[in-house]
């Protein structure tokens, strides 16, 4: 896992957006795995701005979102479909038929989750997967004890996740307790993973992800098994890492090798 130490949240977002834009310019039919929440908003703003300047087109891009709440209507203010529409999709030339969300309404969810997985494969697999990390180590909605080989499925959310999500809902409202999420195995199949973590509340989660043992009790630790993961961290999120000086030196040396065309 490569550690990119950013100056602040804006710097982390700029670095992640730059990587996605570079991959898109190299492959116009890029397949993107997308995340929701406050963390990727800065990335999405930069992608929209790049498109508005005419630097890139999303006309051939295919997207697959990590997760969505079960039975929450697409037009609900807190649905992830609403989030993606407001923060990214409505500012791009991305065809609606190229946008995919896991199935969350109706019957036969198990079969339709398998179809979601099959559609990813049909598109050639996810090229770049964007991630955040929950305080309990979840990626997507893969909560603690999730199988490290899991695939898209219905998942019951933990009390910690419900508490963290409660701030998005009004008085008397309770967040949905069920969601459909890509599995850890699905995420690990992506060719490249870009993870952002911002703020002191994520510091312990970051330390466990990077330096702790690989365990289903801490799902993000499975990323240690991936061949190409970069974690973009602000100083607070990186504050508990024990080898931070080494990560900083490694990143600088890798960048020097890339500039020299050796990596």
C-alpha atoms as a PDB file:
ATOM      1  CA  UNK A   1       0.000   0.000   0.000  1.00  0.00           C
ATOM      2  CA  UNK A   2       1.366   3.391  -0.984  1.00  0.00           C
ATOM      3  CA  UNK A   3       0.813   6.262   1.443  1.00  0.00           C
ATOM      4  CA  UNK A   4       0.341   9.765   0.015  1.00  0.00           C
ATOM      5  CA  UNK A   5       0.592  12.376   2.749  1.00  0.00           C
ATOM      6  CA  UNK A   6      -1.412  15.425   1.729  1.00  0.00           C
ATOM      7  CA  UNK A   7      -1.214  18.905   3.250  1.00  0.00           C
ATOM      8  CA  UNK A   8      -4.963  19.015   3.881  1.00  0.00           C
ATOM      9  CA  UNK A   9      -8.294  17.736   2.560  1.00  0.00           C
ATOM     10  CA  UNK A  10      -8.177  19.954  -0.534  1.00  0.00           C
ATOM     11  CA  UNK A  11      -4.692  18.738  -1.429  1.00  0.00           C
ATOM     12  CA  UNK A  12      -5.797  15.095  -1.031  1.00  0.00           C
ATOM     13  CA  UNK A  13      -8.814  15.706  -3.286  1.00  0.00           C
ATOM     14  CA  UNK A  14      -6.628  17.389  -5.900  1.00  0.00           C
ATOM     15  CA  UNK A  15      -4.190  14.476  -5.934  1.00  0.00           C
ATOM     16  CA  UNK A  16      -6.947  11.886  -6.318  1.00  0.00           C
ATOM     17  CA  UNK A  17      -8.686  13.869  -9.056  1.00  0.00           C
ATOM     18  CA  UNK A  18      -5.416  14.238 -10.930  1.00  0.00           C
ATOM     19  CA  UNK A  19      -4.946  10.453 -10.925  1.00  0.00           C
ATOM     20  CA  UNK A  20      -8.474   9.822 -12.197  1.00  0.00           C
ATOM     21  CA  UNK A  21      -8.120  12.452 -14.917  1.00  0.00           C
ATOM     22  CA  UNK A  22      -4.803  10.958 -16.023  1.00  0.00           C
ATOM     23  CA  UNK A  23      -6.344   7.480 -16.207  1.00  0.00           C
ATOM     24  CA  UNK A  24      -9.326   8.854 -18.161  1.00  0.00           C
ATOM     25  CA  UNK A  25      -7.113  10.611 -20.692  1.00  0.00           C
ATOM     26  CA  UNK A  26      -5.191   7.383 -21.205  1.00  0.00           C
ATOM     27  CA  UNK A  27      -8.387   5.287 -21.445  1.00  0.00           C
ATOM     28  CA  UNK A  28     -11.525   7.199 -22.545  1.00  0.00           C
ATOM     29  CA  UNK A  29     -13.775   4.204 -21.765  1.00  0.00           C
ATOM     30  CA  UNK A  30     -12.561   4.004 -18.176  1.00  0.00           C
ATOM     31  CA  UNK A  31     -14.621   1.960 -15.710  1.00  0.00           C
ATOM     32  CA  UNK A  32     -14.942   3.823 -12.413  1.00  0.00           C
ATOM     33  CA  UNK A  33     -16.029   2.503  -9.039  1.00  0.00           C
ATOM     34  CA  UNK A  34     -17.519   5.415  -7.120  1.00  0.00           C
ATOM     35  CA  UNK A  35     -18.054   6.223  -3.454  1.00  0.00           C
ATOM     36  CA  UNK A  36     -20.378   8.599  -1.623  1.00  0.00           C
ATOM     37  CA  UNK A  37     -20.122  10.642   1.574  1.00  0.00           C
ATOM     38  CA  UNK A  38     -18.443  13.955   2.345  1.00  0.00           C
ATOM     39  CA  UNK A  39     -14.905  12.745   1.580  1.00  0.00           C
ATOM     40  CA  UNK A  40     -15.109  12.428  -2.249  1.00  0.00           C
ATOM     41  CA  UNK A  41     -17.022  15.693  -2.821  1.00  0.00           C
ATOM     42  CA  UNK A  42     -13.816  17.626  -3.540  1.00  0.00           C
ATOM     43  CA  UNK A  43     -12.743  15.007  -6.069  1.00  0.00           C
ATOM     44  CA  UNK A  44     -16.073  15.133  -7.853  1.00  0.00           C
ATOM     45  CA  UNK A  45     -15.982  18.933  -8.010  1.00  0.00           C
ATOM     46  CA  UNK A  46     -12.607  18.796  -9.714  1.00  0.00           C
ATOM     47  CA  UNK A  47     -13.813  16.200 -12.217  1.00  0.00           C
ATOM     48  CA  UNK A  48     -16.795  18.386 -13.104  1.00  0.00           C
ATOM     49  CA  UNK A  49     -14.542  21.430 -13.456  1.00  0.00           C
ATOM     50  CA  UNK A  50     -12.137  19.562 -15.748  1.00  0.00           C
ATOM     51  CA  UNK A  51     -15.049  18.537 -17.950  1.00  0.00           C
ATOM     52  CA  UNK A  52     -16.418  22.088 -18.005  1.00  0.00           C
ATOM     53  CA  UNK A  53     -13.017  23.331 -19.202  1.00  0.00           C
ATOM     54  CA  UNK A  54     -13.158  20.804 -22.044  1.00  0.00           C
ATOM     55  CA  UNK A  55     -10.174  18.810 -20.762  1.00  0.00           C
ATOM     56  CA  UNK A  56     -11.966  15.436 -20.658  1.00  0.00           C
ATOM     57  CA  UNK A  57     -15.116  13.691 -21.805  1.00  0.00           C
ATOM     58  CA  UNK A  58     -17.055  11.114 -19.803  1.00  0.00           C
ATOM     59  CA  UNK A  59     -19.133  10.028 -22.793  1.00  0.00           C
ATOM     60  CA  UNK A  60     -17.604   6.538 -22.848  1.00  0.00           C
ATOM     61  CA  UNK A  61     -17.043   6.095 -19.111  1.00  0.00           C
ATOM     62  CA  UNK A  62     -18.950   3.394 -17.201  1.00  0.00           C
ATOM     63  CA  UNK A  63     -19.576   3.834 -13.471  1.00  0.00           C
ATOM     64  CA  UNK A  64     -20.480   1.413 -10.696  1.00  0.00           C
ATOM     65  CA  UNK A  65     -21.363   2.734  -7.272  1.00  0.00           C
ATOM     66  CA  UNK A  66     -20.230   0.937  -4.170  1.00  0.00           C
ATOM     67  CA  UNK A  67     -23.500   0.877  -2.304  1.00  0.00           C
ATOM     68  CA  UNK A  68     -27.022   2.153  -1.724  1.00  0.00           C
ATOM     69  CA  UNK A  69     -29.566   1.909   1.060  1.00  0.00           C
ATOM     70  CA  UNK A  70     -32.205  -0.786   0.768  1.00  0.00           C
ATOM     71  CA  UNK A  71     -35.650   0.476  -0.290  1.00  0.00           C
ATOM     72  CA  UNK A  72     -34.696   4.158  -0.172  1.00  0.00           C
ATOM     73  CA  UNK A  73     -36.280   5.765  -3.263  1.00  0.00           C
ATOM     74  CA  UNK A  74     -33.901   7.119  -5.875  1.00  0.00           C
ATOM     75  CA  UNK A  75     -35.253  10.643  -5.399  1.00  0.00           C
ATOM     76  CA  UNK A  76     -34.930  10.606  -1.593  1.00  0.00           C
ATOM     77  CA  UNK A  77     -32.621  13.428  -0.439  1.00  0.00           C
ATOM     78  CA  UNK A  78     -30.358  10.942   1.378  1.00  0.00           C
ATOM     79  CA  UNK A  79     -30.193   8.298  -1.339  1.00  0.00           C
ATOM     80  CA  UNK A  80     -26.794   7.798  -2.885  1.00  0.00           C
ATOM     81  CA  UNK A  81     -28.347   8.150  -6.323  1.00  0.00           C
ATOM     82  CA  UNK A  82     -29.393  11.681  -5.364  1.00  0.00           C
ATOM     83  CA  UNK A  83     -25.918  12.358  -3.958  1.00  0.00           C
ATOM     84  CA  UNK A  84     -24.167  11.237  -7.127  1.00  0.00           C
ATOM     85  CA  UNK A  85     -26.537  13.161  -9.351  1.00  0.00           C
ATOM     86  CA  UNK A  86     -26.021  16.383  -7.401  1.00  0.00           C
ATOM     87  CA  UNK A  87     -22.268  16.124  -6.851  1.00  0.00           C
ATOM     88  CA  UNK A  88     -21.069  14.535 -10.086  1.00  0.00           C
ATOM     89  CA  UNK A  89     -23.376  13.192 -12.775  1.00  0.00           C
ATOM     90  CA  UNK A  90     -25.372  16.310 -13.611  1.00  0.00           C
ATOM     91  CA  UNK A  91     -22.161  18.134 -14.470  1.00  0.00           C
ATOM     92  CA  UNK A  92     -20.863  15.553 -16.950  1.00  0.00           C
ATOM     93  CA  UNK A  93     -21.616  14.185 -20.420  1.00  0.00           C
ATOM     94  CA  UNK A  94     -22.029  10.744 -18.867  1.00  0.00           C
ATOM     95  CA  UNK A  95     -24.825   8.754 -20.559  1.00  0.00           C
ATOM     96  CA  UNK A  96     -27.451   7.593 -18.030  1.00  0.00           C
ATOM     97  CA  UNK A  97     -27.238   4.033 -19.358  1.00  0.00           C
ATOM     98  CA  UNK A  98     -23.563   3.942 -18.363  1.00  0.00           C
ATOM     99  CA  UNK A  99     -24.391   4.596 -14.687  1.00  0.00           C
ATOM    100  CA  UNK A 100     -24.928   1.572 -12.436  1.00  0.00           C
ATOM    101  CA  UNK A 101     -26.057   1.189  -8.831  1.00  0.00           C
ATOM    102  CA  UNK A 102     -26.517  -2.049  -6.901  1.00  0.00           C
ATOM    103  CA  UNK A 103     -30.141  -3.249  -6.816  1.00  0.00           C
ATOM    104  CA  UNK A 104     -32.035  -2.065  -3.744  1.00  0.00           C
ATOM    105  CA  UNK A 105     -35.745  -2.298  -4.554  1.00  0.00           C
ATOM    106  CA  UNK A 106     -38.102  -5.112  -5.457  1.00  0.00           C
ATOM    107  CA  UNK A 107     -37.658  -8.879  -5.344  1.00  0.00           C
ATOM    108  CA  UNK A 108     -34.909 -11.350  -6.242  1.00  0.00           C
ATOM    109  CA  UNK A 109     -32.136  -9.222  -4.777  1.00  0.00           C
ATOM    110  CA  UNK A 110     -29.657 -12.106  -4.593  1.00  0.00           C
ATOM    111  CA  UNK A 111     -30.028 -12.843  -8.295  1.00  0.00           C
ATOM    112  CA  UNK A 112     -29.865  -9.165  -9.215  1.00  0.00           C
ATOM    113  CA  UNK A 113     -26.734  -8.701  -7.091  1.00  0.00           C
ATOM    114  CA  UNK A 114     -25.149 -11.489  -9.119  1.00  0.00           C
ATOM    115  CA  UNK A 115     -26.223  -9.660 -12.277  1.00  0.00           C
ATOM    116  CA  UNK A 116     -24.552  -6.502 -10.945  1.00  0.00           C
ATOM    117  CA  UNK A 117     -21.323  -8.438 -10.521  1.00  0.00           C
ATOM    118  CA  UNK A 118     -21.717  -9.892 -14.020  1.00  0.00           C
ATOM    119  CA  UNK A 119     -22.221  -6.430 -15.492  1.00  0.00           C
ATOM    120  CA  UNK A 120     -18.927  -5.277 -13.963  1.00  0.00           C
ATOM    121  CA  UNK A 121     -17.198  -8.222 -15.613  1.00  0.00           C
ATOM    122  CA  UNK A 122     -18.914  -7.506 -18.946  1.00  0.00           C
ATOM    123  CA  UNK A 123     -17.508  -3.966 -18.846  1.00  0.00           C
ATOM    124  CA  UNK A 124     -14.003  -5.362 -18.397  1.00  0.00           C
ATOM    125  CA  UNK A 125     -13.759  -4.887 -14.639  1.00  0.00           C
ATOM    126  CA  UNK A 126     -13.302  -1.739 -12.588  1.00  0.00           C
ATOM    127  CA  UNK A 127     -10.211   0.230 -13.566  1.00  0.00           C
ATOM    128  CA  UNK A 128     -10.166   2.705 -10.678  1.00  0.00           C
ATOM    129  CA  UNK A 129     -12.081   2.252  -7.427  1.00  0.00           C
ATOM    130  CA  UNK A 130     -12.569   5.285  -5.196  1.00  0.00           C
ATOM    131  CA  UNK A 131     -12.970   4.576  -1.470  1.00  0.00           C
ATOM    132  CA  UNK A 132     -13.409   6.194   1.890  1.00  0.00           C
ATOM    133  CA  UNK A 133     -13.117   4.396   5.208  1.00  0.00           C
ATOM    134  CA  UNK A 134     -15.504   4.184   8.148  1.00  0.00           C
ATOM    135  CA  UNK A 135     -14.376   4.631  11.732  1.00  0.00           C
ATOM    136  CA  UNK A 136     -15.037   0.923  12.282  1.00  0.00           C
ATOM    137  CA  UNK A 137     -12.952   0.031   9.236  1.00  0.00           C
ATOM    138  CA  UNK A 138     -15.744  -0.537   6.771  1.00  0.00           C
ATOM    139  CA  UNK A 139     -15.192   0.043   3.055  1.00  0.00           C
ATOM    140  CA  UNK A 140     -18.392   0.359   1.104  1.00  0.00           C
ATOM    141  CA  UNK A 141     -20.868  -1.044   3.600  1.00  0.00           C
ATOM    142  CA  UNK A 142     -18.720  -4.076   4.356  1.00  0.00           C
ATOM    143  CA  UNK A 143     -19.038  -3.982   8.113  1.00  0.00           C
ATOM    144  CA  UNK A 144     -16.766  -5.780  10.622  1.00  0.00           C
ATOM    145  CA  UNK A 145     -16.822  -9.592  10.198  1.00  0.00           C
ATOM    146  CA  UNK A 146     -17.569  -9.282   6.467  1.00  0.00           C
ATOM    147  CA  UNK A 147     -16.002 -12.050   4.440  1.00  0.00           C
ATOM    148  CA  UNK A 148     -12.828 -10.934   2.694  1.00  0.00           C
ATOM    149  CA  UNK A 149     -14.085 -12.833  -0.363  1.00  0.00           C
ATOM    150  CA  UNK A 150     -17.579 -11.311  -0.271  1.00  0.00           C
ATOM    151  CA  UNK A 151     -19.473 -10.097  -3.321  1.00  0.00           C
ATOM    152  CA  UNK A 152     -22.337  -7.647  -3.850  1.00  0.00           C
ATOM    153  CA  UNK A 153     -25.053  -8.448  -1.335  1.00  0.00           C
ATOM    154  CA  UNK A 154     -27.485  -7.112   1.283  1.00  0.00           C
ATOM    155  CA  UNK A 155     -25.725  -6.046   4.471  1.00  0.00           C
ATOM    156  CA  UNK A 156     -27.017  -5.123   7.931  1.00  0.00           C
ATOM    157  CA  UNK A 157     -25.392  -1.913   9.188  1.00  0.00           C
ATOM    158  CA  UNK A 158     -23.738  -1.672  12.590  1.00  0.00           C
ATOM    159  CA  UNK A 159     -24.780   0.738  15.325  1.00  0.00           C
ATOM    160  CA  UNK A 160     -21.542   2.694  14.789  1.00  0.00           C
ATOM    161  CA  UNK A 161     -22.390   3.235  11.133  1.00  0.00           C
ATOM    162  CA  UNK A 162     -25.969   4.199  11.978  1.00  0.00           C
ATOM    163  CA  UNK A 163     -24.669   6.726  14.515  1.00  0.00           C
ATOM    164  CA  UNK A 164     -22.240   8.189  11.994  1.00  0.00           C
ATOM    165  CA  UNK A 165     -24.974   8.503   9.362  1.00  0.00           C
ATOM    166  CA  UNK A 166     -27.578   9.952  11.712  1.00  0.00           C
ATOM    167  CA  UNK A 167     -26.254  13.504  11.167  1.00  0.00           C
ATOM    168  CA  UNK A 168     -27.663  13.450   7.628  1.00  0.00           C
ATOM    169  CA  UNK A 169     -31.222  12.897   8.860  1.00  0.00           C
ATOM    170  CA  UNK A 170     -33.681  15.203  10.574  1.00  0.00           C
ATOM    171  CA  UNK A 171     -35.134  14.956  14.101  1.00  0.00           C
ATOM    172  CA  UNK A 172     -37.053  11.740  14.564  1.00  0.00           C
ATOM    173  CA  UNK A 173     -35.633  10.187  11.387  1.00  0.00           C
ATOM    174  CA  UNK A 174     -33.529   7.053  11.549  1.00  0.00           C
ATOM    175  CA  UNK A 175     -31.104   5.995   8.812  1.00  0.00           C
ATOM    176  CA  UNK A 176     -31.945   2.777   6.952  1.00  0.00           C
ATOM    177  CA  UNK A 177     -30.530  -0.262   8.723  1.00  0.00           C
ATOM    178  CA  UNK A 178     -29.959  -2.298   5.550  1.00  0.00           C
ATOM    179  CA  UNK A 179     -27.943  -1.556   2.423  1.00  0.00           C
ATOM    180  CA  UNK A 180     -26.657  -3.326  -0.665  1.00  0.00           C
ATOM    181  CA  UNK A 181     -22.914  -3.091  -1.107  1.00  0.00           C
ATOM    182  CA  UNK A 182     -20.157  -4.345  -3.342  1.00  0.00           C
ATOM    183  CA  UNK A 183     -18.225  -7.019  -1.495  1.00  0.00           C
ATOM    184  CA  UNK A 184     -14.626  -6.885  -0.365  1.00  0.00           C
ATOM    185  CA  UNK A 185     -13.781  -9.424  -3.036  1.00  0.00           C
ATOM    186  CA  UNK A 186     -15.381  -7.142  -5.635  1.00  0.00           C
ATOM    187  CA  UNK A 187     -13.302  -4.185  -4.435  1.00  0.00           C
ATOM    188  CA  UNK A 188     -10.108  -6.236  -4.474  1.00  0.00           C
ATOM    189  CA  UNK A 189     -10.761  -7.117  -8.124  1.00  0.00           C
ATOM    190  CA  UNK A 190     -10.368  -3.454  -9.158  1.00  0.00           C
ATOM    191  CA  UNK A 191      -7.127  -2.725 -10.987  1.00  0.00           C
ATOM    192  CA  UNK A 192      -6.372   0.326  -8.836  1.00  0.00           C
ATOM    193  CA  UNK A 193      -7.777   1.600  -5.552  1.00  0.00           C
ATOM    194  CA  UNK A 194      -7.652   5.236  -4.406  1.00  0.00           C
ATOM    195  CA  UNK A 195      -8.662   5.708  -0.757  1.00  0.00           C
ATOM    196  CA  UNK A 196      -9.068   9.023   1.041  1.00  0.00           C
ATOM    197  CA  UNK A 197      -9.170   9.510   4.807  1.00  0.00           C
ATOM    198  CA  UNK A 198      -9.496  12.952   6.367  1.00  0.00           C
ATOM    199  CA  UNK A 199      -9.534  14.168   9.963  1.00  0.00           C
ATOM    200  CA  UNK A 200      -8.640  12.869  13.441  1.00  0.00           C
ATOM    201  CA  UNK A 201     -11.703  10.611  13.696  1.00  0.00           C
ATOM    202  CA  UNK A 202     -10.208   8.415  10.962  1.00  0.00           C
ATOM    203  CA  UNK A 203      -6.714   8.137  12.494  1.00  0.00           C
ATOM    204  CA  UNK A 204      -7.236   4.847  14.334  1.00  0.00           C
ATOM    205  CA  UNK A 205      -8.993   3.325  11.338  1.00  0.00           C
ATOM    206  CA  UNK A 206      -6.111   4.357   9.076  1.00  0.00           C
ATOM    207  CA  UNK A 207      -3.538   2.865  11.418  1.00  0.00           C
ATOM    208  CA  UNK A 208      -5.411  -0.441  11.598  1.00  0.00           C
ATOM    209  CA  UNK A 209      -5.847  -0.503   7.806  1.00  0.00           C
ATOM    210  CA  UNK A 210      -2.194   0.173   7.028  1.00  0.00           C
ATOM    211  CA  UNK A 211      -0.261  -1.343   9.926  1.00  0.00           C
ATOM    212  CA  UNK A 212      -2.643  -3.768  11.604  1.00  0.00           C
ATOM    213  CA  UNK A 213      -3.237  -7.447  10.856  1.00  0.00           C
ATOM    214  CA  UNK A 214      -5.468  -8.479   7.975  1.00  0.00           C
ATOM    215  CA  UNK A 215      -8.768  -9.380   9.577  1.00  0.00           C
ATOM    216  CA  UNK A 216     -12.441  -9.620   8.695  1.00  0.00           C
ATOM    217  CA  UNK A 217     -13.067  -7.694  11.906  1.00  0.00           C
ATOM    218  CA  UNK A 218     -11.407  -4.713  10.234  1.00  0.00           C
ATOM    219  CA  UNK A 219     -12.490  -4.918   6.585  1.00  0.00           C
ATOM    220  CA  UNK A 220     -10.240  -2.160   5.200  1.00  0.00           C
ATOM    221  CA  UNK A 221      -7.189  -4.184   6.243  1.00  0.00           C
ATOM    222  CA  UNK A 222      -7.968  -6.463   3.269  1.00  0.00           C
ATOM    223  CA  UNK A 223      -6.539  -3.693   1.066  1.00  0.00           C
ATOM    224  CA  UNK A 224      -3.090  -4.826   2.220  1.00  0.00           C
ATOM    225  CA  UNK A 225      -3.658  -7.770  -0.132  1.00  0.00           C
ATOM    226  CA  UNK A 226      -4.270  -5.543  -3.164  1.00  0.00           C
ATOM    227  CA  UNK A 227      -1.462  -4.970  -5.623  1.00  0.00           C
ATOM    228  CA  UNK A 228      -2.139  -1.267  -6.265  1.00  0.00           C
ATOM    229  CA  UNK A 229      -3.635   0.834  -3.481  1.00  0.00           C
ATOM    230  CA  UNK A 230      -2.819   4.438  -2.637  1.00  0.00           C
ATOM    231  CA  UNK A 231      -4.144   5.981   0.586  1.00  0.00           C
ATOM    232  CA  UNK A 232      -4.384   9.790   0.503  1.00  0.00           C
ATOM    233  CA  UNK A 233      -4.253  11.097   4.069  1.00  0.00           C
ATOM    234  CA  UNK A 234      -4.253  14.511   5.686  1.00  0.00           C
ATOM    235  CA  UNK A 235      -1.940  15.035   8.701  1.00  0.00           C
ATOM    236  CA  UNK A 236      -4.664  14.257  11.235  1.00  0.00           C
ATOM    237  CA  UNK A 237      -5.743  11.002   9.607  1.00  0.00           C
ATOM    238  CA  UNK A 238      -2.091   9.937   9.378  1.00  0.00           C
ATOM    239  CA  UNK A 239      -1.217  11.001  12.928  1.00  0.00           C
ATOM    240  CA  UNK A 240      -1.148   7.501  14.476  1.00  0.00           C
ATOM    241  CA  UNK A 241       0.968   5.802  11.807  1.00  0.00           C
ATOM    242  CA  UNK A 242       4.190   4.539  13.352  1.00  0.00           C
ATOM    243  CA  UNK A 243       6.242   4.532  10.124  1.00  0.00           C
ATOM    244  CA  UNK A 244       5.160   7.901   8.771  1.00  0.00           C
ATOM    245  CA  UNK A 245       8.714   9.109   8.064  1.00  0.00           C
ATOM    246  CA  UNK A 246       9.350   5.990   5.999  1.00  0.00           C
ATOM    247  CA  UNK A 247       6.111   6.450   4.033  1.00  0.00           C
ATOM    248  CA  UNK A 248       7.037  10.050   3.277  1.00  0.00           C
ATOM    249  CA  UNK A 249      10.509   9.059   2.069  1.00  0.00           C
ATOM    250  CA  UNK A 250       9.168   6.142   0.012  1.00  0.00           C
ATOM    251  CA  UNK A 251       6.604   8.345  -1.709  1.00  0.00           C
ATOM    252  CA  UNK A 252       9.248  10.946  -2.603  1.00  0.00           C
ATOM    253  CA  UNK A 253      11.615   8.344  -4.017  1.00  0.00           C
ATOM    254  CA  UNK A 254       8.853   6.674  -6.047  1.00  0.00           C
ATOM    255  CA  UNK A 255       7.888  10.046  -7.520  1.00  0.00           C
ATOM    256  CA  UNK A 256      11.498  10.658  -8.499  1.00  0.00           C
ATOM    257  CA  UNK A 257      11.653   7.273 -10.245  1.00  0.00           C
ATOM    258  CA  UNK A 258       8.391   8.020 -12.091  1.00  0.00           C
ATOM    259  CA  UNK A 259       9.670  11.371 -13.304  1.00  0.00           C
ATOM    260  CA  UNK A 260      12.757   9.617 -14.600  1.00  0.00           C
ATOM    261  CA  UNK A 261      10.576   7.124 -16.472  1.00  0.00           C
ATOM    262  CA  UNK A 262      11.859   4.189 -14.450  1.00  0.00           C
ATOM    263  CA  UNK A 263       8.492   3.175 -12.925  1.00  0.00           C
END
